[in-house]
Amino acid sequence: MNAITMNIDQSKILFLHGLDSSKESTKFHAIDSAKKYCIDVDYRNLNYATVAEFYKNALSTN
């Protein structure tokens, strides 16, 4: 049996904000982690395919 282990020092948090929101929200600041990231995405001016590809690439990168 393979055990899944997570080294807490290597964990990262990617905060996905909603429409008309950003990392300036109180929810992002409430996350207590040194390795938290938020990429501002302008959902109103990008089409669905562009946003989907962006997140796919962002999540597949170490």
PDB file of N, CA and C in Angstrom:
ATOM      1  N   MET A   1       0.842  -1.169   0.000  1.00  0.00           N
ATOM      2  CA  MET A   1       0.000   0.000   0.000  1.00  0.00           C
ATOM      3  C   MET A   1       0.891   1.237   0.000  1.00  0.00           C
ATOM      4  N   ASN A   2       0.558   2.197  -0.858  1.00  0.00           N
ATOM      5  CA  ASN A   2       1.306   3.445  -0.911  1.00  0.00           C
ATOM      6  C   ASN A   2       0.669   4.457   0.030  1.00  0.00           C
ATOM      7  N   ALA A   3       1.473   5.060   0.825  1.00  0.00           N
ATOM      8  CA  ALA A   3       0.980   6.091   1.731  1.00  0.00           C
ATOM      9  C   ALA A   3       1.258   7.455   1.117  1.00  0.00           C
ATOM     10  N   ILE A   4       0.305   8.321   1.211  1.00  0.00           N
ATOM     11  CA  ILE A   4       0.491   9.691   0.730  1.00  0.00           C
ATOM     12  C   ILE A   4       0.966  10.525   1.895  1.00  0.00           C
ATOM     13  N   THR A   5       2.121  11.128   1.724  1.00  0.00           N
ATOM     14  CA  THR A   5       2.648  11.978   2.783  1.00  0.00           C
ATOM     15  C   THR A   5       2.802  13.393   2.257  1.00  0.00           C
ATOM     16  N   MET A   6       2.643  14.337   3.122  1.00  0.00           N
ATOM     17  CA  MET A   6       2.788  15.736   2.743  1.00  0.00           C
ATOM     18  C   MET A   6       3.754  16.393   3.707  1.00  0.00           C
ATOM     19  N   ASN A   7       4.782  16.944   3.167  1.00  0.00           N
ATOM     20  CA  ASN A   7       5.714  17.710   3.972  1.00  0.00           C
ATOM     21  C   ASN A   7       5.129  19.106   4.123  1.00  0.00           C
ATOM     22  N   ILE A   8       4.780  19.475   5.329  1.00  0.00           N
ATOM     23  CA  ILE A   8       4.116  20.750   5.573  1.00  0.00           C
ATOM     24  C   ILE A   8       4.958  21.928   5.078  1.00  0.00           C
ATOM     25  N   ASP A   9       6.272  21.784   5.051  1.00  0.00           N
ATOM     26  CA  ASP A   9       7.134  22.857   4.576  1.00  0.00           C
ATOM     27  C   ASP A   9       7.020  23.056   3.070  1.00  0.00           C
ATOM     28  N   GLN A  10       6.535  22.058   2.349  1.00  0.00           N
ATOM     29  CA  GLN A  10       6.403  22.155   0.905  1.00  0.00           C
ATOM     30  C   GLN A  10       4.985  22.504   0.469  1.00  0.00           C
ATOM     31  N   SER A  11       4.056  22.561   1.384  1.00  0.00           N
ATOM     32  CA  SER A  11       2.677  22.833   0.994  1.00  0.00           C
ATOM     33  C   SER A  11       2.509  24.302   0.616  1.00  0.00           C
ATOM     34  N   LYS A  12       1.613  24.527  -0.326  1.00  0.00           N
ATOM     35  CA  LYS A  12       1.308  25.868  -0.802  1.00  0.00           C
ATOM     36  C   LYS A  12      -0.199  26.014  -0.871  1.00  0.00           C
ATOM     37  N   ILE A  13      -0.662  27.214  -0.732  1.00  0.00           N
ATOM     38  CA  ILE A  13      -2.087  27.490  -0.838  1.00  0.00           C
ATOM     39  C   ILE A  13      -2.284  28.461  -1.985  1.00  0.00           C
ATOM     40  N   LEU A  14      -3.118  28.069  -2.944  1.00  0.00           N
ATOM     41  CA  LEU A  14      -3.484  28.943  -4.049  1.00  0.00           C
ATOM     42  C   LEU A  14      -4.907  29.394  -3.813  1.00  0.00           C
ATOM     43  N   PHE A  15      -5.082  30.672  -3.610  1.00  0.00           N
ATOM     44  CA  PHE A  15      -6.394  31.260  -3.325  1.00  0.00           C
ATOM     45  C   PHE A  15      -7.017  31.677  -4.649  1.00  0.00           C
ATOM     46  N   LEU A  16      -8.175  31.106  -4.957  1.00  0.00           N
ATOM     47  CA  LEU A  16      -8.885  31.452  -6.185  1.00  0.00           C
ATOM     48  C   LEU A  16      -9.996  32.430  -5.828  1.00  0.00           C
ATOM     49  N   HIS A  17      -9.802  33.675  -6.186  1.00  0.00           N
ATOM     50  CA  HIS A  17     -10.799  34.691  -5.844  1.00  0.00           C
ATOM     51  C   HIS A  17     -11.955  34.655  -6.826  1.00  0.00           C
ATOM     52  N   GLY A  18     -13.047  35.263  -6.460  1.00  0.00           N
ATOM     53  CA  GLY A  18     -14.239  35.266  -7.296  1.00  0.00           C
ATOM     54  C   GLY A  18     -14.321  36.502  -8.187  1.00  0.00           C
ATOM     55  N   LEU A  19     -15.416  36.592  -8.901  1.00  0.00           N
ATOM     56  CA  LEU A  19     -15.678  37.712  -9.803  1.00  0.00           C
ATOM     57  C   LEU A  19     -15.653  39.022  -9.031  1.00  0.00           C
ATOM     58  N   ASP A  20     -14.957  39.995  -9.583  1.00  0.00           N
ATOM     59  CA  ASP A  20     -14.832  41.331  -8.983  1.00  0.00           C
ATOM     60  C   ASP A  20     -14.208  41.299  -7.591  1.00  0.00           C
ATOM     61  N   SER A  21     -13.345  40.327  -7.354  1.00  0.00           N
ATOM     62  CA  SER A  21     -12.643  40.206  -6.086  1.00  0.00           C
ATOM     63  C   SER A  21     -11.151  40.083  -6.369  1.00  0.00           C
ATOM     64  N   SER A  22     -10.359  40.075  -5.321  1.00  0.00           N
ATOM     65  CA  SER A  22      -8.907  39.959  -5.476  1.00  0.00           C
ATOM     66  C   SER A  22      -8.310  39.464  -4.168  1.00  0.00           C
ATOM     67  N   LYS A  23      -6.999  39.438  -4.115  1.00  0.00           N
ATOM     68  CA  LYS A  23      -6.328  39.023  -2.878  1.00  0.00           C
ATOM     69  C   LYS A  23      -6.494  40.048  -1.764  1.00  0.00           C
ATOM     70  N   GLU A  24      -7.076  41.180  -2.080  1.00  0.00           N
ATOM     71  CA  GLU A  24      -7.328  42.185  -1.049  1.00  0.00           C
ATOM     72  C   GLU A  24      -8.540  41.838  -0.197  1.00  0.00           C
ATOM     73  N   SER A  25      -9.219  40.753  -0.522  1.00  0.00           N
ATOM     74  CA  SER A  25     -10.379  40.345   0.268  1.00  0.00           C
ATOM     75  C   SER A  25      -9.942  39.893   1.663  1.00  0.00           C
ATOM     76  N   THR A  26     -10.857  39.958   2.599  1.00  0.00           N
ATOM     77  CA  THR A  26     -10.547  39.530   3.972  1.00  0.00           C
ATOM     78  C   THR A  26     -10.303  38.026   4.033  1.00  0.00           C
ATOM     79  N   LYS A  27     -10.875  37.280   3.105  1.00  0.00           N
ATOM     80  CA  LYS A  27     -10.699  35.820   3.108  1.00  0.00           C
ATOM     81  C   LYS A  27      -9.251  35.443   2.831  1.00  0.00           C
ATOM     82  N   PHE A  28      -8.606  36.132   1.903  1.00  0.00           N
ATOM     83  CA  PHE A  28      -7.201  35.842   1.605  1.00  0.00           C
ATOM     84  C   PHE A  28      -6.324  36.176   2.799  1.00  0.00           C
ATOM     85  N   HIS A  29      -6.553  37.304   3.421  1.00  0.00           N
ATOM     86  CA  HIS A  29      -5.738  37.723   4.564  1.00  0.00           C
ATOM     87  C   HIS A  29      -5.972  36.860   5.804  1.00  0.00           C
ATOM     88  N   ALA A  30      -7.109  36.180   5.858  1.00  0.00           N
ATOM     89  CA  ALA A  30      -7.407  35.318   7.005  1.00  0.00           C
ATOM     90  C   ALA A  30      -6.646  33.993   6.950  1.00  0.00           C
ATOM     91  N   ILE A  31      -6.097  33.643   5.790  1.00  0.00           N
ATOM     92  CA  ILE A  31      -5.346  32.395   5.652  1.00  0.00           C
ATOM     93  C   ILE A  31      -3.987  32.585   6.310  1.00  0.00           C
ATOM     94  N   ASP A  32      -3.722  31.786   7.327  1.00  0.00           N
ATOM     95  CA  ASP A  32      -2.477  31.899   8.087  1.00  0.00           C
ATOM     96  C   ASP A  32      -1.429  30.951   7.505  1.00  0.00           C
ATOM     97  N   SER A  33      -0.750  31.416   6.474  1.00  0.00           N
ATOM     98  CA  SER A  33       0.281  30.611   5.826  1.00  0.00           C
ATOM     99  C   SER A  33       1.290  31.540   5.174  1.00  0.00           C
ATOM    100  N   ALA A  34       2.553  31.194   5.300  1.00  0.00           N
ATOM    101  CA  ALA A  34       3.599  32.001   4.667  1.00  0.00           C
ATOM    102  C   ALA A  34       3.628  31.769   3.163  1.00  0.00           C
ATOM    103  N   LYS A  35       3.190  30.582   2.742  1.00  0.00           N
ATOM    104  CA  LYS A  35       3.232  30.235   1.314  1.00  0.00           C
ATOM    105  C   LYS A  35       1.826  30.235   0.735  1.00  0.00           C
ATOM    106  N   LYS A  36       1.216  31.397   0.697  1.00  0.00           N
ATOM    107  CA  LYS A  36      -0.100  31.531   0.080  1.00  0.00           C
ATOM    108  C   LYS A  36       0.032  32.446  -1.128  1.00  0.00           C
ATOM    109  N   TYR A  37      -0.683  32.108  -2.157  1.00  0.00           N
ATOM    110  CA  TYR A  37      -0.568  32.834  -3.412  1.00  0.00           C
ATOM    111  C   TYR A  37      -1.952  33.144  -3.946  1.00  0.00           C
ATOM    112  N   CYS A  38      -2.063  34.278  -4.573  1.00  0.00           N
ATOM    113  CA  CYS A  38      -3.301  34.654  -5.246  1.00  0.00           C
ATOM    114  C   CYS A  38      -2.910  35.359  -6.538  1.00  0.00           C
ATOM    115  N   ILE A  39      -3.427  34.867  -7.617  1.00  0.00           N
ATOM    116  CA  ILE A  39      -3.173  35.476  -8.914  1.00  0.00           C
ATOM    117  C   ILE A  39      -4.443  36.209  -9.310  1.00  0.00           C
ATOM    118  N   ASP A  40      -4.346  37.509  -9.483  1.00  0.00           N
ATOM    119  CA  ASP A  40      -5.524  38.280  -9.885  1.00  0.00           C
ATOM    120  C   ASP A  40      -5.897  37.928 -11.316  1.00  0.00           C
ATOM    121  N   VAL A  41      -7.152  37.552 -11.508  1.00  0.00           N
ATOM    122  CA  VAL A  41      -7.658  37.197 -12.830  1.00  0.00           C
ATOM    123  C   VAL A  41      -8.827  38.122 -13.149  1.00  0.00           C
ATOM    124  N   ASP A  42      -8.757  38.777 -14.291  1.00  0.00           N
ATOM    125  CA  ASP A  42      -9.824  39.680 -14.733  1.00  0.00           C
ATOM    126  C   ASP A  42     -10.872  38.865 -15.497  1.00  0.00           C
ATOM    127  N   TYR A  43     -11.770  38.246 -14.746  1.00  0.00           N
ATOM    128  CA  TYR A  43     -12.768  37.363 -15.338  1.00  0.00           C
ATOM    129  C   TYR A  43     -13.673  38.086 -16.336  1.00  0.00           C
ATOM    130  N   ARG A  44     -13.924  39.349 -16.116  1.00  0.00           N
ATOM    131  CA  ARG A  44     -14.836  40.090 -16.990  1.00  0.00           C
ATOM    132  C   ARG A  44     -14.268  40.311 -18.383  1.00  0.00           C
ATOM    133  N   ASN A  45     -12.943  40.383 -18.513  1.00  0.00           N
ATOM    134  CA  ASN A  45     -12.336  40.689 -19.804  1.00  0.00           C
ATOM    135  C   ASN A  45     -11.631  39.499 -20.450  1.00  0.00           C
ATOM    136  N   LEU A  46     -11.762  38.332 -19.867  1.00  0.00           N
ATOM    137  CA  LEU A  46     -11.181  37.114 -20.442  1.00  0.00           C
ATOM    138  C   LEU A  46     -12.292  36.116 -20.712  1.00  0.00           C
ATOM    139  N   ASN A  47     -12.157  35.341 -21.775  1.00  0.00           N
ATOM    140  CA  ASN A  47     -13.187  34.333 -22.044  1.00  0.00           C
ATOM    141  C   ASN A  47     -12.928  33.088 -21.210  1.00  0.00           C
ATOM    142  N   TYR A  48     -13.924  32.223 -21.152  1.00  0.00           N
ATOM    143  CA  TYR A  48     -13.863  31.027 -20.307  1.00  0.00           C
ATOM    144  C   TYR A  48     -12.653  30.160 -20.653  1.00  0.00           C
ATOM    145  N   ALA A  49     -12.424  29.937 -21.944  1.00  0.00           N
ATOM    146  CA  ALA A  49     -11.322  29.060 -22.370  1.00  0.00           C
ATOM    147  C   ALA A  49      -9.970  29.601 -21.910  1.00  0.00           C
ATOM    148  N   THR A  50      -9.794  30.909 -21.971  1.00  0.00           N
ATOM    149  CA  THR A  50      -8.534  31.526 -21.548  1.00  0.00           C
ATOM    150  C   THR A  50      -8.318  31.342 -20.052  1.00  0.00           C
ATOM    151  N   VAL A  51      -9.357  31.581 -19.267  1.00  0.00           N
ATOM    152  CA  VAL A  51      -9.259  31.418 -17.813  1.00  0.00           C
ATOM    153  C   VAL A  51      -9.020  29.952 -17.459  1.00  0.00           C
ATOM    154  N   ALA A  52      -9.729  29.044 -18.112  1.00  0.00           N
ATOM    155  CA  ALA A  52      -9.559  27.614 -17.840  1.00  0.00           C
ATOM    156  C   ALA A  52      -8.133  27.168 -18.153  1.00  0.00           C
ATOM    157  N   GLU A  53      -7.590  27.596 -19.260  1.00  0.00           N
ATOM    158  CA  GLU A  53      -6.220  27.229 -19.635  1.00  0.00           C
ATOM    159  C   GLU A  53      -5.218  27.830 -18.653  1.00  0.00           C
ATOM    160  N   PHE A  54      -5.458  29.057 -18.229  1.00  0.00           N
ATOM    161  CA  PHE A  54      -4.592  29.728 -17.264  1.00  0.00           C
ATOM    162  C   PHE A  54      -4.523  28.939 -15.963  1.00  0.00           C
ATOM    163  N   TYR A  55      -5.699  28.553 -15.429  1.00  0.00           N
ATOM    164  CA  TYR A  55      -5.715  27.794 -14.173  1.00  0.00           C
ATOM    165  C   TYR A  55      -5.130  26.408 -14.358  1.00  0.00           C
ATOM    166  N   LYS A  56      -5.385  25.778 -15.476  1.00  0.00           N
ATOM    167  CA  LYS A  56      -4.802  24.459 -15.737  1.00  0.00           C
ATOM    168  C   LYS A  56      -3.281  24.541 -15.688  1.00  0.00           C
ATOM    169  N   ASN A  57      -2.716  25.549 -16.343  1.00  0.00           N
ATOM    170  CA  ASN A  57      -1.258  25.714 -16.338  1.00  0.00           C
ATOM    171  C   ASN A  57      -0.734  26.086 -14.953  1.00  0.00           C
ATOM    172  N   ALA A  58      -1.436  26.949 -14.255  1.00  0.00           N
ATOM    173  CA  ALA A  58      -0.993  27.382 -12.923  1.00  0.00           C
ATOM    174  C   ALA A  58      -0.985  26.215 -11.939  1.00  0.00           C
ATOM    175  N   LEU A  59      -1.989  25.350 -12.022  1.00  0.00           N
ATOM    176  CA  LEU A  59      -2.094  24.243 -11.077  1.00  0.00           C
ATOM    177  C   LEU A  59      -1.155  23.093 -11.417  1.00  0.00           C
ATOM    178  N   SER A  60      -0.727  22.992 -12.649  1.00  0.00           N
ATOM    179  CA  SER A  60       0.167  21.900 -13.025  1.00  0.00           C
ATOM    180  C   SER A  60       1.630  22.255 -12.825  1.00  0.00           C
ATOM    181  N   THR A  61       1.927  23.515 -12.488  1.00  0.00           N
ATOM    182  CA  THR A  61       3.290  23.968 -12.249  1.00  0.00           C
ATOM    183  C   THR A  61       3.629  23.783 -10.788  1.00  0.00           C
ATOM    184  N   ASN A  62       4.841  23.316 -10.506  1.00  0.00           N
ATOM    185  CA  ASN A  62       5.282  23.142  -9.114  1.00  0.00           C
ATOM    186  C   ASN A  62       5.615  24.447  -8.487  1.00  0.00           C
TER     187      ASN A  62
END
